[in-house]
Amino acid sequence: MGKRNWLVFTHAANHRDHVLAGEAIDHMQDNLDADTNVFSIYFGPTLKSVATLTHIRHDERLLIAALPNESVDTALANTCEFTKTLHKLLWELSERIEGVCVWSHGSGGSGIGVWKRWKMPFMSCVDLVRTVIRPFKPRIVCFDACYQGSMSCLYELVGATDVVVASPGFHPYCSLLWTAAFGELSKVGHRKRDFEKYAHEIACQWHAMTAVYYKCLLVFDMAVIPDVAAAIKQHWDELVFDDRSQIDQEDPNLHDVSIAFRNNPSIQNLIEKSISQYTRHCLKCRGTCTRWVNGPSMEARLLRKWQAPYTQTAWYRHIRGKPGFHDARLISSHRQICTLLAPDKAFVSVSALRSFEARSDSRLVAMVNQNQVQIRRGTHGR
């Protein structure tokens, strides 16, 4: 099917995450076929760690750019700079990003990741979708993170992608990057159902790799999510949030939407349709999910912490005013305006550049050279 590209966005919150993410990326590289490439944006393992943009093939890695990181605003600006640089490279190569995978800790609509002593998520869900996902309009989005199969996250992705692979509840450290299917993006056809089948294959292989009792990875058809959101809003009074709908004892605010609508079979059928047709009746993957998850999850009330990023979401605006989601005392927040940073703030590793120059992809090397002012030695941020 030709060359295909993933964008893997990683936030390692600590040194343990750093090791686990590094192992996952190593296995991912081993599984890449000759025509599947990965662009990796990496933050961590500490607040002061240099953020990197790396190009990964099955047989080599090229550090394209690295930027200093100091705060949440810097991280957002760096992400914007990386995606702008990536856009330029893809335009020169006449290629695109077909899939995005996010490796991080997740908190649903509030965002992803947290560093010690930070009072807010590493990146809000709104900013993640705005800077990392929506600009590329990928056909598939995967979340190696907890809670991103919630309505507060899925509704933000409407119009940004066709298929989402995500966990409505907890997600173990077993990574989607470990699957053999992840490295075979180049073999996927161009139709939506081809990407649904591909997403299902990733989910199926992932389920075969872990037996934890709380796993609940699902494949969502994003075309149905707006209908589910409309039904939730219209029939809000029929929702029953109790011990039966609560997904996990550790989080009394997170509930399964389908079980909460147990008195309305028509909405339950609609929720069932939001799960990809290839995953819906698969005993190998969905059949091994925890019985507490039957579709997307949702919060029963407004979060007590991280309200500012949560109330920026399209989901909150959609259900605002419903019981549990009335206006609250909100922490004022601001959004970093993305500006194109000076090119001398990025650097390219000498050894990686020389290795890359030996290949036929001279246009990518030319773009790297054009954007660089000084060349320093560097290594991958893992």
Protein backbone atom coordinates (compact mmCIF):
# COMPACT_ATOMS: atom_id res chain seq x y z
CA MET A 1 0.00 0.00 0.00
CA GLY A 2 3.05 2.27 0.06
CA LYS A 3 4.87 4.07 2.85
CA ARG A 4 2.81 4.91 5.96
CA ASN A 5 3.67 6.96 9.05
CA TRP A 6 2.73 6.78 12.71
CA LEU A 7 3.13 9.66 15.15
CA VAL A 8 3.87 8.37 18.66
CA PHE A 9 3.49 11.00 21.39
CA THR A 10 5.09 9.89 24.65
CA HIS A 11 5.07 11.46 28.09
CA ALA A 12 7.14 9.58 30.66
CA ALA A 13 6.22 10.98 34.07
CA ASN A 14 9.12 9.39 35.95
CA HIS A 15 12.12 7.11 35.50
CA ARG A 16 9.99 3.96 35.72
CA ASP A 17 7.82 5.25 32.90
CA HIS A 18 10.99 6.18 31.03
CA VAL A 19 12.23 2.59 31.15
CA LEU A 20 8.86 1.10 30.20
CA ALA A 21 8.31 3.56 27.36
CA GLY A 22 11.83 2.91 26.11
CA GLU A 23 11.25 -0.84 26.05
CA ALA A 24 7.96 -0.35 24.22
CA ILE A 25 9.59 1.88 21.58
CA ASP A 26 12.42 -0.64 21.13
CA HIS A 27 9.94 -3.46 20.51
CA MET A 28 7.92 -1.22 18.22
CA GLN A 29 11.01 -0.55 16.12
CA ASP A 30 11.76 -4.28 15.88
CA ASN A 31 8.24 -4.87 14.54
CA LEU A 32 8.25 -2.11 11.91
CA ASP A 33 8.08 -3.35 8.35
CA ALA A 34 10.12 -1.67 5.62
CA ASP A 35 7.34 0.76 4.66
CA THR A 36 6.04 1.71 8.13
CA ASN A 37 7.85 4.63 9.77
CA VAL A 38 7.33 6.38 13.09
CA PHE A 39 7.82 10.00 14.11
CA SER A 40 8.26 10.10 17.88
CA ILE A 41 7.65 13.14 20.12
CA TYR A 42 9.07 12.36 23.56
CA PHE A 43 8.81 14.20 26.90
CA GLY A 44 10.37 13.01 30.14
CA PRO A 45 11.37 11.46 32.42
CA THR A 46 11.72 14.71 34.37
CA LEU A 47 10.48 18.25 34.00
CA LYS A 48 13.92 19.42 32.87
CA SER A 49 14.48 16.61 30.36
CA VAL A 50 15.02 17.72 26.78
CA ALA A 51 12.01 17.07 24.55
CA THR A 52 12.81 15.31 21.28
CA LEU A 53 11.39 14.70 17.81
CA THR A 54 12.80 11.50 16.29
CA HIS A 55 12.29 9.66 13.02
CA ILE A 56 12.28 5.87 13.50
CA ARG A 57 12.65 3.20 10.83
CA HIS A 58 13.03 -0.52 11.35
CA ASP A 59 16.81 -0.22 11.03
CA GLU A 60 17.70 3.29 12.27
CA ARG A 61 16.73 6.39 14.23
CA LEU A 62 17.29 10.03 13.35
CA LEU A 63 17.05 12.72 15.99
CA ILE A 64 15.43 15.56 14.04
CA ALA A 65 15.11 18.18 16.78
CA ALA A 66 15.42 18.69 20.52
CA LEU A 67 14.11 21.53 22.66
CA PRO A 68 14.61 22.46 26.33
CA ASN A 69 11.59 21.93 28.54
CA GLU A 70 10.86 23.89 31.73
CA SER A 71 7.12 24.21 32.35
CA VAL A 72 3.66 23.27 31.13
CA ASP A 73 3.67 26.28 28.82
CA THR A 74 7.07 25.31 27.43
CA ALA A 75 5.86 21.75 26.83
CA LEU A 76 2.87 23.00 24.86
CA ALA A 77 5.00 25.40 22.82
CA ASN A 78 7.53 22.64 22.13
CA THR A 79 4.75 20.33 20.97
CA CYS A 80 3.52 23.02 18.59
CA GLU A 81 7.04 23.51 17.26
CA PHE A 82 7.53 19.78 16.73
CA THR A 83 4.24 19.38 14.87
CA LYS A 84 5.03 22.39 12.66
CA THR A 85 8.44 20.94 11.84
CA LEU A 86 6.81 17.59 11.12
CA HIS A 87 4.28 19.22 8.81
CA LYS A 88 7.12 20.74 6.79
CA LEU A 89 8.92 17.41 6.51
CA LEU A 90 5.79 15.56 5.45
CA TRP A 91 4.98 18.20 2.87
CA GLU A 92 8.46 17.87 1.38
CA LEU A 93 8.12 14.08 1.30
CA SER A 94 4.52 14.15 -0.01
CA GLU A 95 3.51 11.94 2.91
CA ARG A 96 1.09 12.16 5.81
CA ILE A 97 0.47 10.81 9.30
CA GLU A 98 -2.02 7.94 9.11
CA GLY A 99 -2.05 7.07 12.81
CA VAL A 100 -1.35 8.71 16.18
CA CYS A 101 -0.56 6.77 19.35
CA VAL A 102 -0.37 8.47 22.77
CA TRP A 103 1.70 6.73 25.47
CA SER A 104 1.12 8.35 28.85
CA HIS A 105 -0.91 8.34 32.02
CA GLY A 106 -4.44 9.46 31.26
CA SER A 107 -7.24 11.24 33.08
CA GLY A 108 -9.98 11.35 30.46
CA GLY A 109 -11.19 14.79 29.48
CA SER A 110 -8.80 16.50 31.88
CA GLY A 111 -5.79 15.45 29.86
CA ILE A 112 -2.73 13.22 30.00
CA GLY A 113 0.16 12.82 32.37
CA VAL A 114 1.26 14.60 35.48
CA TRP A 115 4.67 15.41 36.90
CA LYS A 116 5.36 15.53 40.61
CA ARG A 117 4.31 18.82 42.21
CA TRP A 118 2.46 19.96 39.07
CA LYS A 119 -1.05 21.12 39.91
CA MET A 120 -2.39 20.48 36.41
CA PRO A 121 -2.09 17.65 33.84
CA PHE A 122 0.97 17.64 31.62
CA MET A 123 -1.32 18.47 28.70
CA SER A 124 -5.07 19.02 28.62
CA CYS A 125 -7.22 16.85 26.38
CA VAL A 126 -8.22 19.92 24.38
CA ASP A 127 -4.58 20.91 23.77
CA LEU A 128 -3.58 17.34 22.96
CA VAL A 129 -6.24 17.03 20.27
CA ARG A 130 -5.62 20.56 19.01
CA THR A 131 -1.83 20.30 18.67
CA VAL A 132 -1.06 16.60 18.18
CA ILE A 133 -4.08 14.93 16.57
CA ARG A 134 -6.40 17.27 14.69
CA PRO A 135 -3.67 18.98 12.57
CA PHE A 136 -2.83 15.62 10.95
CA LYS A 137 -6.37 14.20 10.71
CA PRO A 138 -5.11 10.62 11.17
CA ARG A 139 -7.30 7.68 10.22
CA ILE A 140 -6.67 5.94 13.55
CA VAL A 141 -5.83 7.14 17.08
CA CYS A 142 -4.60 4.80 19.82
CA PHE A 143 -4.30 5.62 23.51
CA ASP A 144 -1.78 3.70 25.63
CA ALA A 145 -3.29 5.39 28.68
CA CYS A 146 -6.05 5.07 31.26
CA TYR A 147 -9.54 6.59 30.90
CA GLN A 148 -9.23 7.87 27.32
CA GLY A 149 -12.22 5.78 26.25
CA SER A 150 -14.44 8.16 28.22
CA MET A 151 -17.01 10.38 26.53
CA SER A 152 -15.11 13.47 27.70
CA CYS A 153 -12.15 12.38 25.56
CA LEU A 154 -13.95 10.66 22.66
CA TYR A 155 -16.28 13.60 22.06
CA GLU A 156 -13.24 15.87 21.71
CA LEU A 157 -12.02 13.65 18.86
CA VAL A 158 -15.18 13.86 16.75
CA GLY A 159 -14.18 14.97 13.26
CA ALA A 160 -10.48 14.41 13.96
CA THR A 161 -10.24 10.70 13.16
CA ASP A 162 -12.23 7.66 12.03
CA VAL A 163 -11.32 5.06 14.63
CA VAL A 164 -10.12 5.27 18.25
CA VAL A 165 -8.52 2.46 20.26
CA ALA A 166 -8.83 3.33 23.94
CA SER A 167 -9.59 2.06 27.41
CA PRO A 168 -12.72 3.44 29.15
CA GLY A 169 -11.15 2.56 32.52
CA PHE A 170 -7.74 1.56 33.82
CA HIS A 171 -5.08 0.55 31.30
CA PRO A 172 -2.13 -1.68 32.29
CA TYR A 173 1.47 -0.96 31.34
CA CYS A 174 1.26 -3.63 28.62
CA SER A 175 1.71 -1.43 25.56
CA LEU A 176 -0.01 -1.33 22.19
CA LEU A 177 3.45 -0.65 20.77
CA TRP A 178 4.37 -4.25 21.55
CA THR A 179 1.88 -5.67 19.05
CA ALA A 180 3.13 -6.94 15.70
CA ALA A 181 0.18 -5.30 13.97
CA PHE A 182 1.32 -1.84 15.07
CA GLY A 183 4.33 -2.13 12.79
CA GLU A 184 2.25 -3.15 9.76
CA LEU A 185 0.46 0.12 9.06
CA SER A 186 1.73 0.09 5.48
CA LYS A 187 -0.40 -2.99 4.72
CA VAL A 188 -3.70 -1.28 5.56
CA GLY A 189 -6.07 -0.29 2.74
CA HIS A 190 -7.54 3.17 2.26
CA ARG A 191 -11.17 2.58 3.27
CA LYS A 192 -12.55 3.26 6.72
CA ARG A 193 -13.41 -0.39 7.25
CA ASP A 194 -9.79 -1.29 6.48
CA PHE A 195 -8.66 0.89 9.38
CA GLU A 196 -11.40 -0.57 11.60
CA LYS A 197 -10.08 -4.05 10.85
CA TYR A 198 -6.55 -2.87 11.54
CA ALA A 199 -7.54 -1.27 14.86
CA HIS A 200 -9.34 -4.48 15.80
CA GLU A 201 -6.21 -6.51 15.03
CA ILE A 202 -4.11 -4.27 17.30
CA ALA A 203 -6.68 -4.63 20.09
CA CYS A 204 -6.92 -8.40 19.62
CA GLN A 205 -3.17 -8.88 19.79
CA TRP A 206 -2.95 -6.61 22.82
CA HIS A 207 -5.61 -8.58 24.70
CA ALA A 208 -3.67 -11.78 24.03
CA MET A 209 -0.60 -10.28 25.74
CA THR A 210 -2.17 -9.45 29.11
CA ALA A 211 -4.56 -11.20 31.46
CA VAL A 212 -5.15 -8.46 34.05
CA TYR A 213 -8.73 -8.57 35.29
CA TYR A 214 -9.47 -4.86 34.78
CA LYS A 215 -8.44 -4.56 31.11
CA CYS A 216 -11.06 -2.98 28.87
CA LEU A 217 -9.48 -1.88 25.58
CA LEU A 218 -12.12 -1.17 22.91
CA VAL A 219 -12.25 0.04 19.31
CA PHE A 220 -14.67 2.93 18.77
CA ASP A 221 -16.37 4.00 15.55
CA MET A 222 -16.17 7.78 15.80
CA ALA A 223 -19.08 8.29 13.39
CA VAL A 224 -21.48 7.02 16.08
CA ILE A 225 -20.09 8.96 19.06
CA PRO A 226 -22.08 12.19 18.28
CA ASP A 227 -25.31 10.15 18.34
CA VAL A 228 -24.34 8.62 21.68
CA ALA A 229 -23.58 12.08 23.07
CA ALA A 230 -26.94 13.42 21.88
CA ALA A 231 -28.78 10.46 23.44
CA ILE A 232 -27.01 10.96 26.77
CA LYS A 233 -27.99 14.61 26.87
CA GLN A 234 -31.59 13.97 25.83
CA HIS A 235 -32.17 11.08 28.24
CA TRP A 236 -30.01 12.29 31.11
CA ASP A 237 -32.74 11.67 33.69
CA GLU A 238 -32.68 7.96 32.84
CA LEU A 239 -29.02 7.53 33.81
CA VAL A 240 -28.54 5.45 36.96
CA PHE A 241 -25.13 5.98 38.53
CA ASP A 242 -24.68 3.37 41.26
CA ASP A 243 -22.50 0.44 42.30
CA ARG A 244 -23.58 -1.55 39.24
CA SER A 245 -22.45 1.10 36.75
CA GLN A 246 -19.28 2.09 38.64
CA ILE A 247 -16.30 0.67 36.73
CA ASP A 248 -13.78 0.44 39.56
CA GLN A 249 -13.93 0.79 43.33
CA GLU A 250 -11.00 3.23 43.28
CA ASP A 251 -12.92 5.76 41.18
CA PRO A 252 -16.51 6.33 42.34
CA ASN A 253 -17.01 9.03 39.70
CA LEU A 254 -16.34 6.86 36.62
CA HIS A 255 -19.28 4.85 35.26
CA ASP A 256 -20.11 2.66 32.28
CA VAL A 257 -22.64 4.50 30.11
CA SER A 258 -24.36 1.33 28.89
CA ILE A 259 -24.94 -0.07 32.38
CA ALA A 260 -26.09 3.36 33.58
CA PHE A 261 -28.73 3.22 30.79
CA ARG A 262 -29.85 -0.30 31.72
CA ASN A 263 -33.48 0.85 31.72
CA ASN A 264 -33.28 2.08 28.11
CA PRO A 265 -32.41 -0.78 25.71
CA SER A 266 -32.56 1.47 22.63
CA ILE A 267 -29.71 3.63 23.93
CA GLN A 268 -27.81 0.52 24.93
CA ASN A 269 -28.12 -0.68 21.33
CA LEU A 270 -26.80 2.67 20.12
CA ILE A 271 -23.85 2.42 22.50
CA GLU A 272 -23.19 -1.07 21.17
CA LYS A 273 -22.99 0.36 17.64
CA SER A 274 -20.32 2.83 18.78
CA ILE A 275 -18.00 -0.15 19.19
CA SER A 276 -16.45 -1.23 15.90
CA GLN A 277 -18.33 -4.00 14.10
CA TYR A 278 -15.16 -6.10 14.07
CA THR A 279 -14.69 -5.83 17.84
CA ARG A 280 -18.34 -5.98 18.87
CA HIS A 281 -18.65 -9.77 18.97
CA CYS A 282 -15.00 -10.81 19.16
CA LEU A 283 -14.47 -13.25 22.02
CA LYS A 284 -10.68 -12.96 21.73
CA CYS A 285 -10.62 -9.27 22.66
CA ARG A 286 -13.94 -7.87 23.84
CA GLY A 287 -14.85 -11.23 25.33
CA THR A 288 -11.90 -10.93 27.72
CA CYS A 289 -12.69 -7.37 28.86
CA THR A 290 -13.87 -6.76 32.39
CA ARG A 291 -17.63 -7.21 32.67
CA TRP A 292 -17.94 -3.71 34.11
CA VAL A 293 -17.17 -2.14 30.72
CA ASN A 294 -19.69 -2.37 27.87
CA GLY A 295 -18.82 0.78 25.94
CA PRO A 296 -17.63 4.33 26.63
CA SER A 297 -17.36 5.54 30.21
CA MET A 298 -18.38 8.91 31.62
CA GLU A 299 -18.05 10.97 34.76
CA ALA A 300 -21.13 11.17 36.97
CA ARG A 301 -20.30 14.70 38.10
CA LEU A 302 -17.79 17.47 37.57
CA LEU A 303 -14.32 16.58 38.79
CA ARG A 304 -13.17 18.08 42.07
CA LYS A 305 -9.65 18.71 40.77
CA TRP A 306 -8.39 19.74 37.35
CA GLN A 307 -11.68 21.47 36.64
CA ALA A 308 -10.13 24.09 34.38
CA PRO A 309 -8.92 21.70 31.65
CA TYR A 310 -12.06 19.57 31.96
CA THR A 311 -14.40 22.50 31.46
CA GLN A 312 -12.57 23.44 28.26
CA THR A 313 -13.75 20.23 26.60
CA ALA A 314 -16.53 19.98 24.04
CA TRP A 315 -18.11 17.32 26.25
CA TYR A 316 -18.50 19.67 29.21
CA ARG A 317 -20.04 22.33 26.98
CA HIS A 318 -22.39 19.65 25.64
CA ILE A 319 -23.73 18.57 29.05
CA ARG A 320 -23.20 21.80 30.98
CA GLY A 321 -26.07 22.51 33.34
CA LYS A 322 -27.01 18.87 33.87
CA PRO A 323 -27.13 17.60 37.48
CA GLY A 324 -23.58 17.30 38.73
CA PHE A 325 -22.27 19.55 35.95
CA HIS A 326 -23.53 22.97 36.96
CA ASP A 327 -21.09 25.86 36.84
CA ALA A 328 -18.45 25.53 39.54
CA ARG A 329 -15.70 27.73 40.86
CA LEU A 330 -13.26 27.37 38.04
CA ILE A 331 -9.57 27.90 38.12
CA SER A 332 -8.75 30.50 35.52
CA SER A 333 -6.46 29.11 32.87
CA HIS A 334 -4.76 30.32 29.78
CA ARG A 335 -3.67 28.61 26.61
CA GLN A 336 -0.20 29.00 25.23
CA ILE A 337 -0.29 30.56 21.76
CA CYS A 338 1.80 28.48 19.43
CA THR A 339 4.46 30.49 17.66
CA LEU A 340 7.17 29.30 15.37
CA LEU A 341 10.33 29.20 17.45
CA ALA A 342 13.65 30.40 16.11
CA PRO A 343 15.32 27.61 14.12
CA ASP A 344 18.51 27.83 16.17
CA LYS A 345 16.65 26.36 19.15
CA ALA A 346 16.54 22.96 17.50
CA PHE A 347 19.52 20.72 16.91
CA VAL A 348 20.27 17.54 15.01
CA SER A 349 22.64 14.79 16.09
CA VAL A 350 25.71 14.57 13.86
CA SER A 351 25.92 10.77 13.81
CA ALA A 352 22.23 10.36 13.03
CA LEU A 353 22.40 12.93 10.25
CA ARG A 354 25.39 11.25 8.60
CA SER A 355 23.63 7.89 8.79
CA PHE A 356 20.50 9.37 7.30
CA GLU A 357 22.37 11.13 4.50
CA ALA A 358 23.51 7.75 3.22
CA ARG A 359 19.91 6.94 2.36
CA SER A 360 17.95 8.09 -0.64
CA ASP A 361 15.62 10.31 1.41
CA SER A 362 17.70 13.40 0.65
CA ARG A 363 14.69 15.72 0.83
CA LEU A 364 14.21 15.01 4.54
CA VAL A 365 17.90 15.68 5.22
CA ALA A 366 17.67 18.91 3.23
CA MET A 367 14.72 20.05 5.33
CA VAL A 368 16.62 19.26 8.53
CA ASN A 369 19.66 21.17 7.31
CA GLN A 370 17.53 24.13 6.28
CA ASN A 371 15.99 24.44 9.75
CA GLN A 372 19.23 24.02 11.69
CA VAL A 373 21.71 26.76 12.53
CA GLN A 374 24.09 24.82 14.69
CA ILE A 375 24.69 21.09 14.97
CA ARG A 376 25.36 19.53 18.33
CA ARG A 377 25.77 15.98 19.42
CA GLY A 378 22.66 14.44 20.97
CA THR A 379 20.90 11.16 21.63
CA HIS A 380 17.34 10.00 21.76
CA GLY A 381 15.46 11.30 24.78
CA ARG A 382 14.63 7.89 26.19
